[in-house]
Amino acid sequence: MISSLKQKNLAPIFNDLIQRGIKFSVYYNMNDPYPQNIEIKINREALCRYYRLDYFKKTGYFAFAFLVLIAFAGAMNVLEEYSSEGLADKLQSFLILFIGCILLSELCILAFYWVYFRRISKKRAEAFSANVEGDFLRLKFWNYSSYDVKTHFSTIVDYSVRTDHSMKKCGISMVCLRTTGATNPNMPHVIPGVENAVEVRDMLADIDASRERN
């Protein structure tokens, strides 16, 4: 039996196996032409500007509404001590105190923004990264805590692009991902700071479709 096996030529069998492997590899690459690991480019400088602008707007709106009430109450309390004055004098004193309280409060808010929120914006922008790792999309970001999230492409339902006025001014967009069973608002599936957001969205959708088939 051993001699009969030696007499057989096994070269055609090995050649056939090699050809089958080449055909399978070509078929696989045609269905998934993307590399297994892809780093999505983030414009961190523009993303930092966007975060700072967003924080500035939020603190400005909140501070103005809150400080107007504080200034109004403070001015009224001071005017009670000058009840003997005439109406014109009361109105003038009220306006001076009211405007002074608002300006002083706004300066305090701007100082807090400059010291705290500008630093937070830079830290958030530098900490964010997005990578395709095989069948997973990995997002690393900082939002007052460090997060490292790996999401399987099979759980992503759809992909969209969001561009608001602030993003448009900074020249970036955001790729938003909707996943099945996403319940934690502290771990949003978004990729901010993308310049070519439509291309990135289409690439992720293609990777999702091709690797789901395979």
N, C-alpha and C. Protein backbone atom coordinates (compact mmCIF):
# COMPACT_ATOMS: atom_id res chain seq x y z
N MET A 1 0.83 -1.21 0.00
CA MET A 1 0.00 0.00 0.00
C MET A 1 0.86 1.26 0.00
N ILE A 2 1.98 1.20 0.80
CA ILE A 2 2.88 2.35 0.85
C ILE A 2 3.52 2.59 -0.50
N SER A 3 3.90 1.51 -1.14
CA SER A 3 4.53 1.66 -2.46
C SER A 3 3.58 2.23 -3.49
N SER A 4 2.29 1.85 -3.35
CA SER A 4 1.30 2.39 -4.31
C SER A 4 1.09 3.87 -4.12
N LEU A 5 1.17 4.32 -2.83
CA LEU A 5 1.03 5.76 -2.58
C LEU A 5 2.22 6.52 -3.11
N LYS A 6 3.41 5.93 -3.01
CA LYS A 6 4.59 6.60 -3.51
C LYS A 6 4.54 6.75 -5.02
N GLN A 7 3.90 5.77 -5.65
CA GLN A 7 3.85 5.82 -7.12
C GLN A 7 2.90 6.90 -7.62
N LYS A 8 1.93 7.27 -6.75
CA LYS A 8 0.97 8.29 -7.19
C LYS A 8 1.63 9.66 -7.18
N ASN A 9 1.27 10.46 -8.14
CA ASN A 9 1.78 11.83 -8.22
C ASN A 9 0.79 12.76 -7.50
N LEU A 10 1.21 13.33 -6.36
CA LEU A 10 0.34 14.19 -5.57
C LEU A 10 0.38 15.65 -6.02
N ALA A 11 1.22 15.97 -6.98
CA ALA A 11 1.33 17.36 -7.43
C ALA A 11 0.02 17.93 -7.96
N PRO A 12 -0.75 17.19 -8.77
CA PRO A 12 -2.02 17.77 -9.25
C PRO A 12 -2.98 18.09 -8.12
N ILE A 13 -2.96 17.27 -7.05
CA ILE A 13 -3.86 17.52 -5.93
C ILE A 13 -3.49 18.83 -5.23
N PHE A 14 -2.17 19.01 -4.99
CA PHE A 14 -1.73 20.24 -4.34
C PHE A 14 -1.99 21.46 -5.21
N ASN A 15 -1.79 21.32 -6.51
CA ASN A 15 -2.06 22.44 -7.43
C ASN A 15 -3.53 22.83 -7.41
N ASP A 16 -4.37 21.81 -7.34
CA ASP A 16 -5.81 22.08 -7.32
C ASP A 16 -6.20 22.82 -6.03
N LEU A 17 -5.61 22.40 -4.90
CA LEU A 17 -5.90 23.08 -3.64
C LEU A 17 -5.42 24.53 -3.66
N ILE A 18 -4.25 24.77 -4.24
CA ILE A 18 -3.72 26.13 -4.34
C ILE A 18 -4.62 27.01 -5.19
N GLN A 19 -5.07 26.48 -6.32
CA GLN A 19 -5.94 27.24 -7.20
C GLN A 19 -7.26 27.58 -6.51
N ARG A 20 -7.79 26.62 -5.76
CA ARG A 20 -9.03 26.89 -5.03
C ARG A 20 -8.83 28.00 -3.99
N GLY A 21 -7.68 27.97 -3.31
CA GLY A 21 -7.39 29.01 -2.33
C GLY A 21 -7.25 30.38 -2.96
N ILE A 22 -6.62 30.43 -4.15
CA ILE A 22 -6.47 31.71 -4.85
C ILE A 22 -7.83 32.24 -5.28
N LYS A 23 -8.68 31.37 -5.79
CA LYS A 23 -10.01 31.80 -6.21
C LYS A 23 -10.82 32.32 -5.02
N PHE A 24 -10.73 31.62 -3.88
CA PHE A 24 -11.46 32.07 -2.69
C PHE A 24 -10.94 33.41 -2.21
N SER A 25 -9.61 33.60 -2.25
CA SER A 25 -9.03 34.87 -1.82
C SER A 25 -9.47 36.01 -2.72
N VAL A 26 -9.49 35.78 -4.03
CA VAL A 26 -9.93 36.81 -4.97
C VAL A 26 -11.40 37.14 -4.75
N TYR A 27 -12.21 36.09 -4.52
CA TYR A 27 -13.63 36.32 -4.29
C TYR A 27 -13.85 37.13 -3.01
N TYR A 28 -13.10 36.79 -1.96
CA TYR A 28 -13.24 37.50 -0.69
C TYR A 28 -12.84 38.97 -0.84
N ASN A 29 -11.74 39.23 -1.53
CA ASN A 29 -11.28 40.61 -1.70
C ASN A 29 -12.22 41.42 -2.56
N MET A 30 -12.87 40.76 -3.53
CA MET A 30 -13.83 41.49 -4.37
C MET A 30 -15.04 41.92 -3.54
N ASN A 31 -15.45 41.09 -2.56
CA ASN A 31 -16.58 41.44 -1.72
C ASN A 31 -16.20 42.38 -0.59
N ASP A 32 -14.95 42.38 -0.17
CA ASP A 32 -14.49 43.25 0.90
C ASP A 32 -13.13 43.81 0.50
N PRO A 33 -13.12 44.89 -0.28
CA PRO A 33 -11.85 45.42 -0.77
C PRO A 33 -11.09 46.27 0.26
N TYR A 34 -11.65 46.44 1.44
CA TYR A 34 -11.03 47.32 2.43
C TYR A 34 -10.08 46.54 3.34
N PRO A 35 -9.04 47.19 3.84
CA PRO A 35 -8.14 46.53 4.79
C PRO A 35 -8.88 46.17 6.08
N GLN A 36 -8.32 45.24 6.81
CA GLN A 36 -8.94 44.83 8.07
C GLN A 36 -8.87 45.94 9.12
N ASN A 37 -7.82 46.71 9.12
CA ASN A 37 -7.64 47.79 10.09
C ASN A 37 -7.54 49.13 9.36
N ILE A 38 -8.43 50.05 9.71
CA ILE A 38 -8.47 51.36 9.07
C ILE A 38 -8.59 52.42 10.16
N GLU A 39 -7.76 53.44 10.09
CA GLU A 39 -7.86 54.57 11.01
C GLU A 39 -8.61 55.71 10.31
N ILE A 40 -9.68 56.14 10.93
CA ILE A 40 -10.48 57.23 10.39
C ILE A 40 -9.85 58.55 10.79
N LYS A 41 -9.57 59.40 9.82
CA LYS A 41 -8.88 60.65 10.08
C LYS A 41 -9.80 61.65 10.76
N ILE A 42 -9.32 62.21 11.87
CA ILE A 42 -10.07 63.21 12.63
C ILE A 42 -9.29 64.53 12.61
N ASN A 43 -9.95 65.61 12.25
CA ASN A 43 -9.34 66.93 12.30
C ASN A 43 -9.48 67.45 13.73
N ARG A 44 -8.49 67.15 14.56
CA ARG A 44 -8.59 67.47 15.98
C ARG A 44 -8.52 68.97 16.26
N GLU A 45 -7.81 69.70 15.44
CA GLU A 45 -7.75 71.16 15.63
C GLU A 45 -9.11 71.79 15.40
N ALA A 46 -9.78 71.39 14.31
CA ALA A 46 -11.12 71.91 14.04
C ALA A 46 -12.13 71.39 15.07
N LEU A 47 -11.95 70.14 15.51
CA LEU A 47 -12.85 69.59 16.52
C LEU A 47 -12.71 70.34 17.84
N CYS A 48 -11.51 70.74 18.19
CA CYS A 48 -11.29 71.53 19.40
C CYS A 48 -11.99 72.88 19.29
N ARG A 49 -11.90 73.52 18.13
CA ARG A 49 -12.60 74.79 17.94
C ARG A 49 -14.11 74.61 18.07
N TYR A 50 -14.61 73.51 17.53
CA TYR A 50 -16.06 73.26 17.62
C TYR A 50 -16.50 73.06 19.06
N TYR A 51 -15.75 72.28 19.83
CA TYR A 51 -16.09 72.08 21.24
C TYR A 51 -16.06 73.40 22.00
N ARG A 52 -15.06 74.23 21.75
CA ARG A 52 -14.97 75.51 22.45
C ARG A 52 -16.13 76.42 22.09
N LEU A 53 -16.49 76.44 20.82
CA LEU A 53 -17.63 77.26 20.40
C LEU A 53 -18.92 76.75 21.01
N ASP A 54 -19.07 75.43 21.07
CA ASP A 54 -20.28 74.85 21.65
C ASP A 54 -20.37 75.15 23.14
N TYR A 55 -19.26 75.01 23.86
CA TYR A 55 -19.26 75.34 25.29
C TYR A 55 -19.53 76.82 25.51
N PHE A 56 -18.96 77.66 24.66
CA PHE A 56 -19.15 79.10 24.81
C PHE A 56 -20.63 79.47 24.64
N LYS A 57 -21.29 78.88 23.68
CA LYS A 57 -22.71 79.16 23.47
C LYS A 57 -23.55 78.68 24.64
N LYS A 58 -23.26 77.46 25.10
CA LYS A 58 -24.07 76.90 26.19
C LYS A 58 -23.90 77.71 27.47
N THR A 59 -22.66 78.03 27.81
CA THR A 59 -22.43 78.82 29.02
C THR A 59 -23.00 80.23 28.88
N GLY A 60 -22.91 80.79 27.68
CA GLY A 60 -23.44 82.13 27.45
C GLY A 60 -24.95 82.19 27.61
N TYR A 61 -25.68 81.23 27.00
CA TYR A 61 -27.13 81.23 27.10
C TYR A 61 -27.59 81.02 28.55
N PHE A 62 -26.98 80.04 29.21
CA PHE A 62 -27.37 79.75 30.59
C PHE A 62 -27.03 80.93 31.51
N ALA A 63 -25.83 81.47 31.32
CA ALA A 63 -25.40 82.55 32.20
C ALA A 63 -26.26 83.78 32.03
N PHE A 64 -26.62 84.10 30.80
CA PHE A 64 -27.41 85.31 30.57
C PHE A 64 -28.79 85.19 31.23
N ALA A 65 -29.46 84.04 31.04
CA ALA A 65 -30.78 83.87 31.64
C ALA A 65 -30.72 83.88 33.16
N PHE A 66 -29.70 83.23 33.72
CA PHE A 66 -29.59 83.16 35.18
C PHE A 66 -29.15 84.49 35.77
N LEU A 67 -28.20 85.14 35.12
CA LEU A 67 -27.64 86.35 35.70
C LEU A 67 -28.57 87.55 35.57
N VAL A 68 -29.44 87.52 34.58
CA VAL A 68 -30.44 88.60 34.48
C VAL A 68 -31.34 88.58 35.72
N LEU A 69 -31.74 87.39 36.14
CA LEU A 69 -32.58 87.28 37.33
C LEU A 69 -31.84 87.73 38.57
N ILE A 70 -30.57 87.30 38.70
CA ILE A 70 -29.78 87.69 39.86
C ILE A 70 -29.57 89.21 39.89
N ALA A 71 -29.24 89.77 38.73
CA ALA A 71 -29.02 91.22 38.67
C ALA A 71 -30.29 92.00 38.99
N PHE A 72 -31.42 91.51 38.49
CA PHE A 72 -32.69 92.19 38.75
C PHE A 72 -33.02 92.16 40.24
N ALA A 73 -32.84 90.98 40.85
CA ALA A 73 -33.14 90.87 42.28
C ALA A 73 -32.20 91.72 43.12
N GLY A 74 -30.90 91.72 42.76
CA GLY A 74 -29.94 92.52 43.51
C GLY A 74 -30.21 94.01 43.39
N ALA A 75 -30.56 94.45 42.20
CA ALA A 75 -30.85 95.87 42.00
C ALA A 75 -32.09 96.30 42.77
N MET A 76 -33.11 95.44 42.80
CA MET A 76 -34.32 95.79 43.53
C MET A 76 -34.07 95.88 45.02
N ASN A 77 -33.22 94.98 45.54
CA ASN A 77 -32.91 95.04 46.97
C ASN A 77 -32.17 96.32 47.34
N VAL A 78 -31.28 96.74 46.48
CA VAL A 78 -30.54 97.97 46.75
C VAL A 78 -31.46 99.18 46.66
N LEU A 79 -32.38 99.16 45.72
CA LEU A 79 -33.27 100.32 45.55
C LEU A 79 -34.22 100.49 46.72
N GLU A 80 -34.50 99.42 47.45
CA GLU A 80 -35.39 99.55 48.60
C GLU A 80 -34.81 100.47 49.66
N GLU A 81 -33.48 100.58 49.69
CA GLU A 81 -32.84 101.45 50.66
C GLU A 81 -32.92 102.92 50.27
N TYR A 82 -33.31 103.19 49.04
CA TYR A 82 -33.40 104.58 48.55
C TYR A 82 -34.84 104.90 48.14
N SER A 83 -35.77 104.50 48.98
CA SER A 83 -37.18 104.70 48.65
C SER A 83 -37.59 106.18 48.67
N SER A 84 -36.77 107.01 49.31
CA SER A 84 -37.10 108.44 49.38
C SER A 84 -36.76 109.18 48.09
N GLU A 85 -36.02 108.57 47.21
CA GLU A 85 -35.65 109.23 45.97
C GLU A 85 -36.84 109.33 45.03
N GLY A 86 -36.71 110.20 44.03
CA GLY A 86 -37.76 110.32 43.03
C GLY A 86 -37.75 109.18 42.04
N LEU A 87 -38.78 109.14 41.19
CA LEU A 87 -38.90 108.04 40.22
C LEU A 87 -37.74 108.03 39.23
N ALA A 88 -37.34 109.21 38.77
CA ALA A 88 -36.25 109.27 37.79
C ALA A 88 -34.93 108.81 38.41
N ASP A 89 -34.69 109.23 39.64
CA ASP A 89 -33.46 108.81 40.31
C ASP A 89 -33.46 107.30 40.57
N LYS A 90 -34.63 106.77 40.95
CA LYS A 90 -34.73 105.32 41.17
C LYS A 90 -34.45 104.55 39.89
N LEU A 91 -35.03 105.01 38.79
CA LEU A 91 -34.84 104.32 37.52
C LEU A 91 -33.38 104.36 37.08
N GLN A 92 -32.74 105.52 37.25
CA GLN A 92 -31.33 105.64 36.88
C GLN A 92 -30.45 104.73 37.75
N SER A 93 -30.70 104.72 39.04
CA SER A 93 -29.92 103.85 39.93
C SER A 93 -30.14 102.38 39.61
N PHE A 94 -31.39 102.05 39.30
CA PHE A 94 -31.71 100.66 38.96
C PHE A 94 -30.97 100.21 37.71
N LEU A 95 -30.98 101.02 36.67
CA LEU A 95 -30.32 100.65 35.43
C LEU A 95 -28.80 100.51 35.61
N ILE A 96 -28.21 101.42 36.38
CA ILE A 96 -26.77 101.35 36.62
C ILE A 96 -26.41 100.06 37.36
N LEU A 97 -27.15 99.77 38.40
CA LEU A 97 -26.88 98.55 39.18
C LEU A 97 -27.15 97.29 38.36
N PHE A 98 -28.23 97.31 37.58
CA PHE A 98 -28.61 96.15 36.79
C PHE A 98 -27.54 95.83 35.74
N ILE A 99 -27.12 96.83 35.00
CA ILE A 99 -26.10 96.63 33.97
C ILE A 99 -24.76 96.26 34.60
N GLY A 100 -24.43 96.90 35.71
CA GLY A 100 -23.18 96.57 36.38
C GLY A 100 -23.13 95.13 36.86
N CYS A 101 -24.24 94.64 37.42
CA CYS A 101 -24.29 93.24 37.86
C CYS A 101 -24.13 92.28 36.69
N ILE A 102 -24.76 92.58 35.56
CA ILE A 102 -24.66 91.70 34.39
C ILE A 102 -23.22 91.68 33.87
N LEU A 103 -22.59 92.84 33.74
CA LEU A 103 -21.23 92.89 33.21
C LEU A 103 -20.25 92.16 34.13
N LEU A 104 -20.40 92.36 35.43
CA LEU A 104 -19.51 91.68 36.37
C LEU A 104 -19.71 90.17 36.32
N SER A 105 -20.94 89.73 36.22
CA SER A 105 -21.22 88.29 36.16
C SER A 105 -20.70 87.69 34.87
N GLU A 106 -20.87 88.40 33.77
CA GLU A 106 -20.38 87.90 32.48
C GLU A 106 -18.87 87.78 32.48
N LEU A 107 -18.19 88.72 33.10
CA LEU A 107 -16.73 88.62 33.20
C LEU A 107 -16.31 87.39 33.99
N CYS A 108 -17.04 87.08 35.05
CA CYS A 108 -16.74 85.88 35.83
C CYS A 108 -16.97 84.62 35.00
N ILE A 109 -18.05 84.61 34.23
CA ILE A 109 -18.34 83.45 33.38
C ILE A 109 -17.27 83.29 32.31
N LEU A 110 -16.85 84.39 31.68
CA LEU A 110 -15.82 84.31 30.65
C LEU A 110 -14.50 83.83 31.23
N ALA A 111 -14.17 84.27 32.43
CA ALA A 111 -12.94 83.80 33.07
C ALA A 111 -13.01 82.31 33.35
N PHE A 112 -14.16 81.84 33.82
CA PHE A 112 -14.34 80.40 34.07
C PHE A 112 -14.25 79.60 32.77
N TYR A 113 -14.87 80.13 31.70
CA TYR A 113 -14.79 79.46 30.40
C TYR A 113 -13.35 79.39 29.92
N TRP A 114 -12.63 80.49 30.03
CA TRP A 114 -11.26 80.52 29.53
C TRP A 114 -10.36 79.56 30.30
N VAL A 115 -10.54 79.47 31.59
CA VAL A 115 -9.68 78.62 32.41
C VAL A 115 -10.06 77.15 32.30
N TYR A 116 -11.36 76.85 32.27
CA TYR A 116 -11.81 75.46 32.38
C TYR A 116 -12.23 74.86 31.04
N PHE A 117 -13.20 75.48 30.38
CA PHE A 117 -13.80 74.84 29.21
C PHE A 117 -12.85 74.79 28.01
N ARG A 118 -11.96 75.74 27.87
CA ARG A 118 -11.00 75.67 26.77
C ARG A 118 -10.06 74.47 26.95
N ARG A 119 -9.67 74.22 28.17
CA ARG A 119 -8.81 73.07 28.45
C ARG A 119 -9.57 71.76 28.24
N ILE A 120 -10.84 71.72 28.66
CA ILE A 120 -11.66 70.52 28.48
C ILE A 120 -11.87 70.24 27.00
N SER A 121 -12.08 71.28 26.20
CA SER A 121 -12.30 71.10 24.76
C SER A 121 -11.07 70.48 24.10
N LYS A 122 -9.90 70.96 24.46
CA LYS A 122 -8.67 70.41 23.89
C LYS A 122 -8.48 68.95 24.30
N LYS A 123 -8.77 68.64 25.53
CA LYS A 123 -8.61 67.26 26.01
C LYS A 123 -9.57 66.32 25.29
N ARG A 124 -10.81 66.74 25.10
CA ARG A 124 -11.78 65.91 24.39
C ARG A 124 -11.38 65.67 22.95
N ALA A 125 -10.89 66.72 22.28
CA ALA A 125 -10.50 66.58 20.88
C ALA A 125 -9.29 65.66 20.72
N GLU A 126 -8.31 65.78 21.62
CA GLU A 126 -7.12 64.96 21.51
C GLU A 126 -7.37 63.50 21.89
N ALA A 127 -8.37 63.25 22.73
CA ALA A 127 -8.61 61.89 23.20
C ALA A 127 -9.42 61.06 22.22
N PHE A 128 -10.10 61.71 21.26
CA PHE A 128 -10.99 60.94 20.39
C PHE A 128 -10.22 60.26 19.27
N SER A 129 -10.60 59.01 19.01
CA SER A 129 -10.06 58.26 17.86
C SER A 129 -11.10 57.26 17.41
N ALA A 130 -11.07 56.94 16.13
CA ALA A 130 -12.01 55.98 15.55
C ALA A 130 -11.24 55.06 14.61
N ASN A 131 -11.41 53.76 14.79
CA ASN A 131 -10.70 52.78 13.98
C ASN A 131 -11.60 51.61 13.64
N VAL A 132 -11.42 51.11 12.42
CA VAL A 132 -12.06 49.85 12.02
C VAL A 132 -11.08 48.74 12.33
N GLU A 133 -11.52 47.77 13.13
CA GLU A 133 -10.69 46.64 13.51
C GLU A 133 -11.43 45.35 13.17
N GLY A 134 -11.23 44.90 11.95
CA GLY A 134 -11.92 43.68 11.51
C GLY A 134 -13.41 43.91 11.42
N ASP A 135 -14.17 43.12 12.19
CA ASP A 135 -15.62 43.23 12.21
C ASP A 135 -16.13 44.23 13.23
N PHE A 136 -15.23 45.01 13.83
CA PHE A 136 -15.61 45.93 14.89
C PHE A 136 -15.22 47.37 14.52
N LEU A 137 -16.02 48.30 15.03
CA LEU A 137 -15.70 49.72 14.98
C LEU A 137 -15.33 50.14 16.39
N ARG A 138 -14.11 50.64 16.57
CA ARG A 138 -13.62 51.00 17.90
C ARG A 138 -13.56 52.51 18.05
N LEU A 139 -14.23 53.03 19.07
CA LEU A 139 -14.25 54.46 19.37
C LEU A 139 -13.64 54.67 20.75
N LYS A 140 -12.64 55.55 20.81
CA LYS A 140 -12.02 55.92 22.08
C LYS A 140 -12.23 57.42 22.27
N PHE A 141 -12.81 57.80 23.42
CA PHE A 141 -13.08 59.21 23.65
C PHE A 141 -13.09 59.49 25.14
N TRP A 142 -13.08 60.78 25.46
CA TRP A 142 -13.11 61.24 26.86
C TRP A 142 -14.26 62.20 27.02
N ASN A 143 -15.13 61.89 27.98
CA ASN A 143 -16.25 62.77 28.30
C ASN A 143 -16.40 62.79 29.83
N TYR A 144 -15.40 63.42 30.47
CA TYR A 144 -15.26 63.43 31.92
C TYR A 144 -14.94 62.05 32.49
N SER A 145 -14.86 61.06 31.64
CA SER A 145 -14.35 59.72 31.93
C SER A 145 -13.81 59.17 30.62
N SER A 146 -12.89 58.23 30.70
CA SER A 146 -12.31 57.64 29.50
C SER A 146 -13.16 56.44 29.06
N TYR A 147 -13.45 56.39 27.76
CA TYR A 147 -14.26 55.31 27.20
C TYR A 147 -13.48 54.65 26.05
N ASP A 148 -13.64 53.34 25.95
CA ASP A 148 -13.06 52.56 24.86
C ASP A 148 -14.13 51.55 24.43
N VAL A 149 -14.84 51.89 23.35
CA VAL A 149 -16.02 51.14 22.94
C VAL A 149 -15.75 50.42 21.63
N LYS A 150 -16.02 49.11 21.60
CA LYS A 150 -15.94 48.32 20.37
C LYS A 150 -17.34 47.85 20.02
N THR A 151 -17.79 48.23 18.84
CA THR A 151 -19.14 47.91 18.38
C THR A 151 -19.05 47.00 17.16
N HIS A 152 -19.73 45.89 17.21
CA HIS A 152 -19.75 44.98 16.06
C HIS A 152 -20.60 45.58 14.95
N PHE A 153 -20.12 45.45 13.73
CA PHE A 153 -20.84 46.05 12.60
C PHE A 153 -22.25 45.49 12.45
N SER A 154 -22.46 44.27 12.90
CA SER A 154 -23.79 43.67 12.76
C SER A 154 -24.84 44.36 13.63
N THR A 155 -24.40 45.11 14.65
CA THR A 155 -25.36 45.80 15.53
C THR A 155 -25.66 47.22 15.06
N ILE A 156 -24.95 47.70 14.04
CA ILE A 156 -25.19 49.05 13.53
C ILE A 156 -26.32 49.01 12.51
N VAL A 157 -27.35 49.81 12.76
CA VAL A 157 -28.55 49.78 11.91
C VAL A 157 -28.40 50.72 10.72
N ASP A 158 -28.00 51.95 10.97
CA ASP A 158 -27.85 52.89 9.85
C ASP A 158 -26.76 53.91 10.18
N TYR A 159 -26.36 54.62 9.13
CA TYR A 159 -25.30 55.62 9.20
C TYR A 159 -25.84 56.93 8.65
N SER A 160 -25.50 58.03 9.30
CA SER A 160 -25.97 59.33 8.83
C SER A 160 -24.89 60.38 9.08
N VAL A 161 -25.05 61.53 8.43
CA VAL A 161 -24.11 62.65 8.57
C VAL A 161 -24.87 63.85 9.13
N ARG A 162 -24.30 64.46 10.15
CA ARG A 162 -24.91 65.63 10.78
C ARG A 162 -23.94 66.80 10.70
N THR A 163 -24.46 67.97 10.27
CA THR A 163 -23.67 69.20 10.19
C THR A 163 -24.52 70.35 10.67
N ASP A 164 -24.21 70.90 11.84
CA ASP A 164 -24.93 72.08 12.31
C ASP A 164 -24.15 73.34 11.95
N HIS A 165 -24.65 74.47 12.41
CA HIS A 165 -24.03 75.75 12.02
C HIS A 165 -22.61 75.86 12.57
N SER A 166 -22.41 75.43 13.81
CA SER A 166 -21.09 75.52 14.41
C SER A 166 -20.09 74.61 13.70
N MET A 167 -20.52 73.40 13.36
CA MET A 167 -19.65 72.48 12.62
C MET A 167 -19.29 73.05 11.25
N LYS A 168 -20.26 73.65 10.61
CA LYS A 168 -20.02 74.22 9.29
C LYS A 168 -18.98 75.33 9.36
N LYS A 169 -19.03 76.13 10.41
CA LYS A 169 -18.04 77.21 10.57
C LYS A 169 -16.64 76.64 10.78
N CYS A 170 -16.55 75.47 11.42
CA CYS A 170 -15.25 74.83 11.67
C CYS A 170 -14.82 73.92 10.53
N GLY A 171 -15.67 73.72 9.53
CA GLY A 171 -15.31 72.89 8.38
C GLY A 171 -15.33 71.41 8.64
N ILE A 172 -16.16 70.94 9.57
CA ILE A 172 -16.23 69.52 9.88
C ILE A 172 -17.68 69.07 9.92
N SER A 173 -17.86 67.75 10.00
CA SER A 173 -19.18 67.16 10.16
C SER A 173 -19.07 66.01 11.16
N MET A 174 -20.20 65.37 11.42
CA MET A 174 -20.26 64.27 12.37
C MET A 174 -20.96 63.09 11.73
N VAL A 175 -20.32 61.93 11.79
CA VAL A 175 -20.94 60.68 11.32
C VAL A 175 -21.66 60.04 12.51
N CYS A 176 -22.96 59.85 12.38
CA CYS A 176 -23.77 59.30 13.47
C CYS A 176 -24.16 57.86 13.13
N LEU A 177 -24.05 57.00 14.12
CA LEU A 177 -24.38 55.58 13.96
C LEU A 177 -25.52 55.22 14.90
N ARG A 178 -26.54 54.57 14.37
CA ARG A 178 -27.64 54.10 15.22
C ARG A 178 -27.52 52.60 15.38
N THR A 179 -27.45 52.16 16.63
CA THR A 179 -27.24 50.74 16.92
C THR A 179 -28.47 50.15 17.58
N THR A 180 -28.56 48.84 17.55
CA THR A 180 -29.66 48.15 18.20
C THR A 180 -29.42 48.08 19.70
N GLY A 181 -30.43 48.46 20.46
CA GLY A 181 -30.36 48.36 21.91
C GLY A 181 -29.45 49.37 22.56
N ALA A 182 -29.19 50.52 21.93
CA ALA A 182 -28.34 51.55 22.54
C ALA A 182 -29.15 52.30 23.58
N THR A 183 -28.75 52.17 24.87
CA THR A 183 -29.51 52.77 25.97
C THR A 183 -28.69 53.73 26.81
N ASN A 184 -27.36 53.74 26.65
CA ASN A 184 -26.51 54.58 27.48
C ASN A 184 -26.22 55.89 26.77
N PRO A 185 -26.76 57.02 27.22
CA PRO A 185 -26.52 58.29 26.53
C PRO A 185 -25.09 58.79 26.68
N ASN A 186 -24.33 58.26 27.66
CA ASN A 186 -22.95 58.68 27.86
C ASN A 186 -22.00 58.04 26.86
N MET A 187 -22.47 57.06 26.09
CA MET A 187 -21.63 56.41 25.09
C MET A 187 -22.28 56.54 23.72
N PRO A 188 -22.32 57.75 23.18
CA PRO A 188 -22.94 57.94 21.87
C PRO A 188 -22.07 57.36 20.77
N HIS A 189 -22.70 56.79 19.77
CA HIS A 189 -21.97 56.22 18.65
C HIS A 189 -21.89 57.28 17.55
N VAL A 190 -20.97 58.21 17.73
CA VAL A 190 -20.77 59.29 16.77
C VAL A 190 -19.28 59.45 16.51
N ILE A 191 -18.95 59.92 15.32
CA ILE A 191 -17.57 60.19 14.95
C ILE A 191 -17.50 61.67 14.57
N PRO A 192 -17.12 62.55 15.49
CA PRO A 192 -17.07 63.98 15.19
C PRO A 192 -15.73 64.36 14.55
N GLY A 193 -15.68 65.57 14.05
CA GLY A 193 -14.42 66.10 13.52
C GLY A 193 -14.00 65.51 12.19
N VAL A 194 -14.95 65.05 11.39
CA VAL A 194 -14.63 64.42 10.10
C VAL A 194 -14.82 65.45 8.99
N GLU A 195 -13.81 65.61 8.15
CA GLU A 195 -13.91 66.55 7.04
C GLU A 195 -14.69 65.96 5.87
N ASN A 196 -14.36 64.73 5.48
CA ASN A 196 -15.05 64.05 4.37
C ASN A 196 -16.05 63.07 4.94
N ALA A 197 -17.07 63.60 5.63
CA ALA A 197 -18.00 62.75 6.38
C ALA A 197 -18.82 61.84 5.47
N VAL A 198 -19.20 62.33 4.31
CA VAL A 198 -20.01 61.50 3.40
C VAL A 198 -19.20 60.30 2.92
N GLU A 199 -17.94 60.50 2.60
CA GLU A 199 -17.09 59.39 2.17
C GLU A 199 -16.88 58.39 3.30
N VAL A 200 -16.67 58.89 4.50
CA VAL A 200 -16.49 57.99 5.65
C VAL A 200 -17.78 57.21 5.92
N ARG A 201 -18.91 57.87 5.84
CA ARG A 201 -20.18 57.17 6.04
C ARG A 201 -20.38 56.07 5.01
N ASP A 202 -20.12 56.37 3.74
CA ASP A 202 -20.28 55.36 2.70
C ASP A 202 -19.29 54.21 2.87
N MET A 203 -18.05 54.53 3.29
CA MET A 203 -17.07 53.48 3.50
C MET A 203 -17.50 52.54 4.62
N LEU A 204 -17.96 53.09 5.74
CA LEU A 204 -18.41 52.25 6.85
C LEU A 204 -19.62 51.42 6.47
N ALA A 205 -20.53 52.01 5.70
CA ALA A 205 -21.69 51.24 5.26
C ALA A 205 -21.26 50.10 4.34
N ASP A 206 -20.32 50.34 3.44
CA ASP A 206 -19.82 49.28 2.55
C ASP A 206 -19.13 48.18 3.33
N ILE A 207 -18.29 48.57 4.31
CA ILE A 207 -17.62 47.57 5.14
C ILE A 207 -18.63 46.74 5.90
N ASP A 208 -19.64 47.40 6.43
CA ASP A 208 -20.69 46.69 7.17
C ASP A 208 -21.39 45.67 6.27
N ALA A 209 -21.76 46.11 5.07
CA ALA A 209 -22.48 45.21 4.17
C ALA A 209 -21.63 44.05 3.69
N SER A 210 -20.36 44.33 3.32
CA SER A 210 -19.51 43.27 2.79
C SER A 210 -19.11 42.26 3.85
N ARG A 211 -18.79 42.71 5.05
CA ARG A 211 -18.36 41.77 6.09
C ARG A 211 -19.54 41.04 6.72
N GLU A 212 -20.72 41.61 6.61
CA GLU A 212 -21.89 40.88 7.06
C GLU A 212 -22.22 39.73 6.12
N ARG A 213 -21.99 39.95 4.81
CA ARG A 213 -22.21 38.87 3.84
C ARG A 213 -21.21 37.75 4.03
N ASN A 214 -19.94 38.12 4.32
CA ASN A 214 -18.89 37.12 4.45
C ASN A 214 -18.94 36.41 5.79
